[in-house]
Amino acid sequence: TIRVVDLNNHPPTFFGENGPQNVFELTMYEHPPEGEFLRGLKITVNDSDQ
């Protein structure tokens, strides 16, 4: 489970190929062992409050 939380209680907006959306999907072809970190996953945050 990946949660993206805005500490100012603003719901996050994800931008996909078709514009803004409120969720994103991640497809994994190999499940990492329990407790392992995900590598190569990049989440870019654009904080509109700054």
C-alpha atoms as a PDB file:
ATOM      1  CA  THR A   1       0.000   0.000   0.000  1.00  0.00           C
ATOM      2  CA  ILE A   2       1.317   3.412  -0.949  1.00  0.00           C
ATOM      3  CA  ARG A   3      -0.259   6.438   0.693  1.00  0.00           C
ATOM      4  CA  VAL A   4       0.391  10.014  -0.380  1.00  0.00           C
ATOM      5  CA  VAL A   5      -0.706  12.393   2.356  1.00  0.00           C
ATOM      6  CA  ASP A   6      -0.766  16.193   2.353  1.00  0.00           C
ATOM      7  CA  LEU A   7      -0.109  17.439   5.878  1.00  0.00           C
ATOM      8  CA  ASN A   8      -2.304  20.481   5.164  1.00  0.00           C
ATOM      9  CA  ASN A   9      -5.281  18.190   4.497  1.00  0.00           C
ATOM     10  CA  HIS A  10      -5.379  19.053   0.812  1.00  0.00           C
ATOM     11  CA  PRO A  11      -6.274  15.973  -1.219  1.00  0.00           C
ATOM     12  CA  PRO A  12      -3.430  15.046  -3.568  1.00  0.00           C
ATOM     13  CA  THR A  13      -3.897  15.333  -7.320  1.00  0.00           C
ATOM     14  CA  PHE A  14      -2.149  12.814  -9.530  1.00  0.00           C
ATOM     15  CA  PHE A  15      -1.456  13.757 -13.134  1.00  0.00           C
ATOM     16  CA  GLY A  16      -1.720  10.957 -15.622  1.00  0.00           C
ATOM     17  CA  GLU A  17      -1.744  10.747 -19.385  1.00  0.00           C
ATOM     18  CA  ASN A  18      -5.324  12.034 -19.473  1.00  0.00           C
ATOM     19  CA  GLY A  19      -4.872  14.913 -17.043  1.00  0.00           C
ATOM     20  CA  PRO A  20      -5.604  15.163 -13.317  1.00  0.00           C
ATOM     21  CA  GLN A  21      -6.924  12.115 -11.522  1.00  0.00           C
ATOM     22  CA  ASN A  22      -7.480  11.276  -7.878  1.00  0.00           C
ATOM     23  CA  VAL A  23      -5.819   7.850  -7.843  1.00  0.00           C
ATOM     24  CA  PHE A  24      -2.941   6.138  -9.547  1.00  0.00           C
ATOM     25  CA  GLU A  25      -2.258   2.500 -10.287  1.00  0.00           C
ATOM     26  CA  LEU A  26       1.048   0.743  -9.978  1.00  0.00           C
ATOM     27  CA  THR A  27       1.582  -2.573 -11.714  1.00  0.00           C
ATOM     28  CA  MET A  28       4.275  -4.826 -10.303  1.00  0.00           C
ATOM     29  CA  TYR A  29       5.378  -7.872 -12.218  1.00  0.00           C
ATOM     30  CA  GLU A  30       7.588  -9.140  -9.412  1.00  0.00           C
ATOM     31  CA  HIS A  31       6.408  -8.936  -5.832  1.00  0.00           C
ATOM     32  CA  PRO A  32       9.245  -7.944  -3.493  1.00  0.00           C
ATOM     33  CA  PRO A  33       9.823 -10.039  -0.375  1.00  0.00           C
ATOM     34  CA  GLU A  34       7.991  -8.828   2.713  1.00  0.00           C
ATOM     35  CA  GLY A  35       9.862  -5.996   4.362  1.00  0.00           C
ATOM     36  CA  GLU A  36      11.844  -5.107   1.254  1.00  0.00           C
ATOM     37  CA  PHE A  37      11.960  -1.539  -0.015  1.00  0.00           C
ATOM     38  CA  LEU A  38      10.615  -0.672  -3.436  1.00  0.00           C
ATOM     39  CA  ARG A  39      13.444   0.464  -5.669  1.00  0.00           C
ATOM     40  CA  GLY A  40      13.080   2.562  -8.798  1.00  0.00           C
ATOM     41  CA  LEU A  41       9.744   4.100  -7.832  1.00  0.00           C
ATOM     42  CA  LYS A  42       9.792   7.864  -8.276  1.00  0.00           C
ATOM     43  CA  ILE A  43       7.087  10.155  -6.966  1.00  0.00           C
ATOM     44  CA  THR A  44       7.477  13.830  -7.846  1.00  0.00           C
ATOM     45  CA  VAL A  45       5.693  16.249  -5.523  1.00  0.00           C
ATOM     46  CA  ASN A  46       4.713  19.714  -6.676  1.00  0.00           C
ATOM     47  CA  ASP A  47       3.683  21.596  -3.538  1.00  0.00           C
ATOM     48  CA  SER A  48       1.411  24.447  -4.567  1.00  0.00           C
ATOM     49  CA  ASP A  49       1.777  26.028  -1.103  1.00  0.00           C
ATOM     50  CA  GLN A  50       5.423  26.931  -1.774  1.00  0.00           C
END
